[in-house]
Amino acid sequence: MTTIKLVSVSYVAFLFCRISLATLLWISFIFQLKWLVCIVFLIFLFSAILKVGRAPMILLYSCTFDLILPSKKVMLDENAMRFVHFLGAFMAFITLVLLYFIYAPVGWGFLFFFAILKTVSALGYCPASKLYSCALSNGKCCSILKGTKC
């Protein structure tokens, strides 16, 4: 069983990260840009490797706009966010495999599903973080209606 490790990040930087990735996925789907899914994959992968405090999108915002107009800090579970980012990278990888090597129409359908999930996460309810917290509680999950930030 993993312990909770809290990390403090800018709330607006965290929001920027969530919304930007969802937007990139939708742009990729609407304009059928496979290379944009590659960018999303790399962002998720580096976010998982570097952890949420040094994630590319968090750093991008924190080193630019947050210097001009600082926002309040939010405490996040670093291990949960790492799981979330690895899961996002995995879903982006599956999308790329489907698009490039298996059958592109199925890949676009999977990207549509992925974009919906990321949009739900961007709006404040994170299914992947909920999955992580349920795995930690040995199946004694709280109500699914109680959202967790992603």
Protein backbone atom coordinates (compact mmCIF):
# COMPACT_ATOMS: atom_id res chain seq x y z
CA MET A 1 0.00 0.00 0.00
CA THR A 2 1.38 3.39 -1.05
CA THR A 3 1.42 6.41 1.24
CA ILE A 4 0.11 9.79 0.25
CA LYS A 5 2.84 12.27 -0.67
CA LEU A 6 1.51 15.81 -0.96
CA VAL A 7 3.01 18.43 -3.26
CA SER A 8 2.00 22.07 -3.62
CA VAL A 9 1.42 23.51 -7.10
CA SER A 10 -0.21 26.64 -8.42
CA TYR A 11 -3.95 26.09 -8.80
CA VAL A 12 -4.15 28.02 -12.08
CA ALA A 13 -1.11 26.18 -13.48
CA PHE A 14 -2.82 22.90 -12.63
CA LEU A 15 -6.02 24.10 -14.29
CA PHE A 16 -4.02 25.27 -17.33
CA CYS A 17 -2.45 21.82 -17.64
CA ARG A 18 -5.80 20.01 -17.50
CA ILE A 19 -7.58 22.32 -19.93
CA SER A 20 -4.66 22.53 -22.37
CA LEU A 21 -4.35 18.76 -22.71
CA ALA A 22 -8.08 18.33 -23.22
CA THR A 23 -8.00 21.10 -25.84
CA LEU A 24 -5.07 19.50 -27.65
CA LEU A 25 -6.92 16.18 -27.80
CA TRP A 26 -10.05 17.83 -29.21
CA ILE A 27 -8.05 19.78 -31.80
CA SER A 28 -6.32 16.56 -32.78
CA PHE A 29 -9.66 14.79 -33.15
CA ILE A 30 -11.44 17.58 -35.03
CA PHE A 31 -8.62 18.23 -37.50
CA GLN A 32 -7.37 14.61 -37.50
CA LEU A 33 -3.82 15.55 -36.53
CA LYS A 34 -1.96 12.41 -35.51
CA TRP A 35 1.21 14.32 -34.62
CA LEU A 36 -0.69 16.27 -31.98
CA VAL A 37 -1.50 13.00 -30.21
CA CYS A 38 2.27 12.38 -30.16
CA ILE A 39 2.75 15.74 -28.41
CA VAL A 40 0.08 14.85 -25.84
CA PHE A 41 1.76 11.47 -25.30
CA LEU A 42 5.11 13.17 -24.64
CA ILE A 43 3.57 15.72 -22.27
CA PHE A 44 1.86 12.95 -20.27
CA LEU A 45 5.00 10.80 -20.28
CA PHE A 46 7.30 13.59 -19.11
CA SER A 47 4.72 14.65 -16.52
CA ALA A 48 4.73 11.12 -15.12
CA ILE A 49 8.52 10.83 -15.14
CA LEU A 50 9.20 14.31 -13.71
CA LYS A 51 6.20 14.21 -11.32
CA VAL A 52 3.50 16.84 -11.06
CA GLY A 53 5.66 19.53 -9.41
CA ARG A 54 7.96 19.64 -12.46
CA ALA A 55 5.46 18.59 -15.15
CA PRO A 56 6.00 20.44 -18.45
CA MET A 57 2.65 22.24 -18.55
CA ILE A 58 2.85 23.17 -14.85
CA LEU A 59 6.36 24.58 -15.35
CA LEU A 60 5.34 26.41 -18.52
CA TYR A 61 2.59 28.27 -16.69
CA SER A 62 4.51 28.71 -13.43
CA CYS A 63 7.53 30.23 -15.21
CA THR A 64 5.45 32.65 -17.27
CA PHE A 65 1.97 33.83 -16.29
CA ASP A 66 2.16 32.77 -12.65
CA LEU A 67 5.10 35.15 -12.16
CA ILE A 68 2.93 38.07 -13.27
CA LEU A 69 -0.30 37.08 -11.54
CA PRO A 70 0.40 34.43 -8.87
CA SER A 71 -2.44 32.14 -7.89
CA LYS A 72 -3.17 30.21 -4.73
CA LYS A 73 -1.53 26.85 -4.19
CA VAL A 74 -3.31 23.51 -4.18
CA MET A 75 -2.10 20.32 -2.50
CA LEU A 76 -2.02 17.24 -4.72
CA ASP A 77 -1.12 13.63 -4.08
CA GLU A 78 2.09 13.22 -6.06
CA ASN A 79 1.70 9.44 -6.39
CA ALA A 80 -1.89 9.74 -7.63
CA MET A 81 -0.89 12.37 -10.18
CA ARG A 82 1.98 10.18 -11.35
CA PHE A 83 -0.47 7.30 -11.87
CA VAL A 84 -2.86 9.63 -13.70
CA HIS A 85 -0.10 10.85 -16.02
CA PHE A 86 1.15 7.33 -16.75
CA LEU A 87 -2.43 6.28 -17.53
CA GLY A 88 -2.82 9.30 -19.84
CA ALA A 89 0.46 8.42 -21.58
CA PHE A 90 -0.74 4.82 -21.94
CA MET A 91 -4.06 5.93 -23.48
CA ALA A 92 -2.24 8.27 -25.87
CA PHE A 93 0.13 5.42 -26.79
CA ILE A 94 -2.82 3.09 -27.50
CA THR A 95 -4.36 5.83 -29.64
CA LEU A 96 -1.13 6.21 -31.63
CA VAL A 97 -0.81 2.45 -32.16
CA LEU A 98 -4.39 2.29 -33.40
CA LEU A 99 -3.95 5.32 -35.67
CA TYR A 100 -0.63 4.35 -37.20
CA PHE A 101 -0.51 0.55 -37.16
CA ILE A 102 -3.89 -1.09 -36.72
CA TYR A 103 -6.97 0.65 -38.12
CA ALA A 104 -7.20 4.45 -38.18
CA PRO A 105 -11.03 4.71 -37.85
CA VAL A 106 -10.84 2.74 -34.59
CA GLY A 107 -8.00 5.03 -33.50
CA TRP A 108 -10.10 8.12 -34.11
CA GLY A 109 -12.95 6.56 -32.15
CA PHE A 110 -10.59 5.79 -29.26
CA LEU A 111 -9.26 9.36 -29.44
CA PHE A 112 -12.84 10.64 -29.17
CA PHE A 113 -13.34 8.52 -26.03
CA PHE A 114 -9.98 9.70 -24.64
CA ALA A 115 -10.86 13.36 -25.32
CA ILE A 116 -14.18 12.93 -23.47
CA LEU A 117 -12.38 11.39 -20.46
CA LYS A 118 -9.80 14.18 -20.44
CA THR A 119 -12.55 16.80 -20.69
CA VAL A 120 -14.31 15.27 -17.68
CA SER A 121 -10.96 15.44 -15.86
CA ALA A 122 -10.42 19.05 -16.93
CA LEU A 123 -13.82 19.95 -15.51
CA GLY A 124 -12.78 18.72 -12.08
CA TYR A 125 -13.74 15.05 -11.76
CA CYS A 126 -10.86 12.71 -12.45
CA PRO A 127 -11.77 9.07 -13.13
CA ALA A 128 -8.09 8.01 -13.12
CA SER A 129 -7.42 9.60 -9.74
CA LYS A 130 -10.58 7.98 -8.42
CA LEU A 131 -9.35 4.62 -9.72
CA TYR A 132 -6.03 5.17 -7.93
CA SER A 133 -7.70 6.08 -4.63
CA CYS A 134 -10.03 3.07 -4.89
CA ALA A 135 -7.06 0.76 -5.47
CA LEU A 136 -5.40 2.17 -2.34
CA SER A 137 -8.48 1.64 -0.21
CA ASN A 138 -8.60 -2.11 -0.99
CA GLY A 139 -12.00 -1.88 -2.65
CA LYS A 140 -13.60 0.29 0.05
CA CYS A 141 -14.18 3.22 -2.26
CA CYS A 142 -16.17 6.25 -1.31
CA SER A 143 -19.19 7.22 -3.37
CA ILE A 144 -18.44 7.65 -7.07
CA LEU A 145 -20.32 10.95 -6.90
CA LYS A 146 -17.53 12.46 -4.78
CA GLY A 147 -15.06 13.77 -7.33
CA THR A 148 -11.30 13.94 -7.04
CA LYS A 149 -9.18 16.51 -8.78
CA CYS A 150 -7.01 15.39 -11.66
